Each structure stands twice: as C-alpha cells, then as structure tokens.
Amino acid sequence: MRAAALIYPNAATIVEDQRHLRKADDFASELIEGAEASTWEAAKIACPIPAGAMLLSWQRID
C-alpha cells in the first residue's frame, strides 16, 4: 500500500494562529504520493511532507 498526502505547500506564509481562517481558494493544494510500504503507518512515514507545508488529509492507495 501507499499513502498520499493532500497539502498546502506554502502554509508557512499563513500566520499560525490564523490558519483556521484560511480560505481554500487562497492556496493551491498539492497531492504527494509516497513509496510502497507494508503497513499504513509505514506508508505515511514514506510520504514526506515538505517543511512549511500544512497537511490537509491522508489518502490510502491499495
């Protein structure tokens, strides 16, 4: 299985205490797919989230 992460790659530009106020239209999201792994936890670890990015959701790819 693999994991995919939906992220805002440039979330570091959002003031941390105002991240809940963000509008989806203000930021471009990006889907990152990780390498094959034997467990769900290992699959998420194999899907590196770039520094400064905000994780929006995980997706399991079987």
N, C-alpha and C. Protein backbone atom coordinates (compact mmCIF):
# COMPACT_ATOMS: atom_id res chain seq x y z
N MET A 1 0.84 -1.18 0.00
CA MET A 1 0.00 0.00 0.00
C MET A 1 0.88 1.25 0.00
N ARG A 2 0.30 2.34 -0.42
CA ARG A 2 0.99 3.63 -0.40
C ARG A 2 0.08 4.66 0.25
N ALA A 3 0.67 5.77 0.63
CA ALA A 3 -0.10 6.89 1.19
C ALA A 3 0.08 8.09 0.28
N ALA A 4 -0.96 8.89 0.21
CA ALA A 4 -0.90 10.17 -0.50
C ALA A 4 -1.34 11.24 0.48
N ALA A 5 -0.67 12.37 0.44
CA ALA A 5 -0.99 13.47 1.34
C ALA A 5 -1.44 14.67 0.53
N LEU A 6 -2.58 15.22 0.89
CA LEU A 6 -3.04 16.47 0.30
C LEU A 6 -2.52 17.58 1.20
N ILE A 7 -1.77 18.52 0.62
CA ILE A 7 -1.12 19.55 1.43
C ILE A 7 -1.32 20.93 0.81
N TYR A 8 -1.12 21.95 1.63
CA TYR A 8 -0.86 23.31 1.16
C TYR A 8 0.65 23.46 1.25
N PRO A 9 1.38 23.50 0.13
CA PRO A 9 2.84 23.52 0.19
C PRO A 9 3.42 24.79 0.80
N ASN A 10 2.71 25.90 0.73
CA ASN A 10 3.26 27.18 1.20
C ASN A 10 2.54 27.69 2.45
N ALA A 11 2.15 26.78 3.32
CA ALA A 11 1.38 27.16 4.50
C ALA A 11 2.19 27.98 5.50
N ALA A 12 3.50 27.97 5.37
CA ALA A 12 4.34 28.74 6.29
C ALA A 12 4.07 30.24 6.17
N THR A 13 3.45 30.64 5.07
CA THR A 13 3.14 32.06 4.89
C THR A 13 1.89 32.48 5.66
N ILE A 14 1.15 31.51 6.21
CA ILE A 14 -0.05 31.81 6.99
C ILE A 14 0.35 31.99 8.45
N VAL A 15 -0.08 33.06 9.06
CA VAL A 15 0.18 33.26 10.48
C VAL A 15 -0.44 32.09 11.24
N GLU A 16 0.34 31.44 12.11
CA GLU A 16 -0.09 30.18 12.71
C GLU A 16 -1.42 30.28 13.45
N ASP A 17 -1.65 31.33 14.19
CA ASP A 17 -2.91 31.43 14.93
C ASP A 17 -4.08 31.84 14.03
N GLN A 18 -3.85 32.02 12.73
CA GLN A 18 -4.93 32.36 11.80
C GLN A 18 -5.16 31.28 10.75
N ARG A 19 -4.51 30.11 10.92
CA ARG A 19 -4.64 29.05 9.92
C ARG A 19 -6.07 28.54 9.81
N HIS A 20 -6.83 28.59 10.87
CA HIS A 20 -8.21 28.14 10.82
C HIS A 20 -9.09 29.10 10.00
N LEU A 21 -8.59 30.30 9.72
CA LEU A 21 -9.35 31.28 8.96
C LEU A 21 -9.07 31.22 7.46
N ARG A 22 -8.16 30.36 7.04
CA ARG A 22 -7.75 30.30 5.64
C ARG A 22 -8.93 29.97 4.73
N LYS A 23 -8.88 30.44 3.52
CA LYS A 23 -9.88 30.12 2.52
C LYS A 23 -9.23 29.19 1.51
N ALA A 24 -9.92 28.14 1.14
CA ALA A 24 -9.36 27.16 0.22
C ALA A 24 -8.93 27.80 -1.10
N ASP A 25 -9.64 28.82 -1.53
CA ASP A 25 -9.30 29.47 -2.80
C ASP A 25 -8.00 30.27 -2.73
N ASP A 26 -7.54 30.59 -1.52
CA ASP A 26 -6.34 31.41 -1.37
C ASP A 26 -5.05 30.63 -1.59
N PHE A 27 -5.12 29.30 -1.55
CA PHE A 27 -3.91 28.49 -1.61
C PHE A 27 -4.07 27.36 -2.62
N ALA A 28 -3.00 27.02 -3.29
CA ALA A 28 -3.00 25.89 -4.20
C ALA A 28 -2.66 24.64 -3.41
N SER A 29 -3.48 23.61 -3.52
CA SER A 29 -3.18 22.36 -2.84
C SER A 29 -2.38 21.46 -3.78
N GLU A 30 -1.74 20.47 -3.19
CA GLU A 30 -0.87 19.58 -3.95
C GLU A 30 -1.00 18.18 -3.36
N LEU A 31 -1.01 17.17 -4.21
CA LEU A 31 -1.08 15.78 -3.76
C LEU A 31 0.29 15.15 -3.91
N ILE A 32 0.82 14.60 -2.82
CA ILE A 32 2.13 13.96 -2.82
C ILE A 32 1.93 12.47 -2.55
N GLU A 33 2.48 11.61 -3.39
CA GLU A 33 2.36 10.17 -3.18
C GLU A 33 3.67 9.61 -2.66
N GLY A 34 3.56 8.72 -1.68
CA GLY A 34 4.74 8.10 -1.09
C GLY A 34 5.08 6.76 -1.70
N ALA A 35 6.13 6.15 -1.18
CA ALA A 35 6.60 4.85 -1.67
C ALA A 35 5.76 3.72 -1.08
N GLU A 36 5.88 2.57 -1.68
CA GLU A 36 5.20 1.35 -1.22
C GLU A 36 5.68 0.97 0.17
N ALA A 37 4.76 0.52 1.03
CA ALA A 37 5.09 0.09 2.38
C ALA A 37 4.16 -1.04 2.80
N SER A 38 4.53 -1.75 3.86
CA SER A 38 3.75 -2.92 4.28
C SER A 38 2.60 -2.57 5.22
N THR A 39 2.69 -1.45 5.94
CA THR A 39 1.62 -1.05 6.86
C THR A 39 1.21 0.39 6.58
N TRP A 40 0.05 0.77 7.08
CA TRP A 40 -0.44 2.13 6.89
C TRP A 40 0.47 3.15 7.55
N GLU A 41 0.93 2.87 8.74
CA GLU A 41 1.84 3.79 9.44
C GLU A 41 3.14 3.96 8.66
N ALA A 42 3.68 2.87 8.16
CA ALA A 42 4.92 2.94 7.37
C ALA A 42 4.69 3.69 6.07
N ALA A 43 3.52 3.52 5.48
CA ALA A 43 3.20 4.22 4.23
C ALA A 43 3.16 5.73 4.45
N LYS A 44 2.60 6.17 5.58
CA LYS A 44 2.57 7.62 5.87
C LYS A 44 3.97 8.15 6.11
N ILE A 45 4.81 7.37 6.78
CA ILE A 45 6.20 7.79 7.01
C ILE A 45 6.95 7.91 5.68
N ALA A 46 6.61 7.03 4.72
CA ALA A 46 7.27 7.02 3.42
C ALA A 46 6.78 8.13 2.50
N CYS A 47 5.85 8.93 2.98
CA CYS A 47 5.30 10.05 2.20
C CYS A 47 5.74 11.34 2.89
N PRO A 48 6.91 11.84 2.54
CA PRO A 48 7.45 13.00 3.26
C PRO A 48 6.66 14.28 2.99
N ILE A 49 6.33 14.98 4.06
CA ILE A 49 5.65 16.27 3.97
C ILE A 49 6.73 17.36 3.98
N PRO A 50 6.77 18.22 2.97
CA PRO A 50 7.80 19.26 2.93
C PRO A 50 7.72 20.22 4.11
N ALA A 51 8.85 20.74 4.52
CA ALA A 51 8.88 21.74 5.59
C ALA A 51 8.04 22.94 5.17
N GLY A 52 7.27 23.46 6.09
CA GLY A 52 6.44 24.62 5.81
C GLY A 52 5.09 24.29 5.20
N ALA A 53 4.83 23.01 4.93
CA ALA A 53 3.55 22.62 4.35
C ALA A 53 2.54 22.29 5.45
N MET A 54 1.27 22.42 5.13
CA MET A 54 0.18 22.05 6.05
C MET A 54 -0.51 20.81 5.50
N LEU A 55 -0.55 19.76 6.31
CA LEU A 55 -1.24 18.54 5.92
C LEU A 55 -2.74 18.75 6.01
N LEU A 56 -3.45 18.49 4.92
CA LEU A 56 -4.91 18.62 4.91
C LEU A 56 -5.58 17.26 5.12
N SER A 57 -5.07 16.22 4.46
CA SER A 57 -5.66 14.91 4.63
C SER A 57 -4.73 13.83 4.10
N TRP A 58 -4.98 12.59 4.55
CA TRP A 58 -4.27 11.42 4.06
C TRP A 58 -5.22 10.61 3.17
N GLN A 59 -4.65 9.93 2.19
CA GLN A 59 -5.42 9.02 1.35
C GLN A 59 -4.65 7.72 1.24
N ARG A 60 -5.34 6.61 1.44
CA ARG A 60 -4.69 5.29 1.34
C ARG A 60 -4.84 4.77 -0.09
N ILE A 61 -3.72 4.33 -0.67
CA ILE A 61 -3.72 3.79 -2.03
C ILE A 61 -3.33 2.32 -1.92
N ASP A 62 -4.28 1.44 -2.22
CA ASP A 62 -4.01 -0.02 -2.14
C ASP A 62 -3.54 -0.54 -3.47
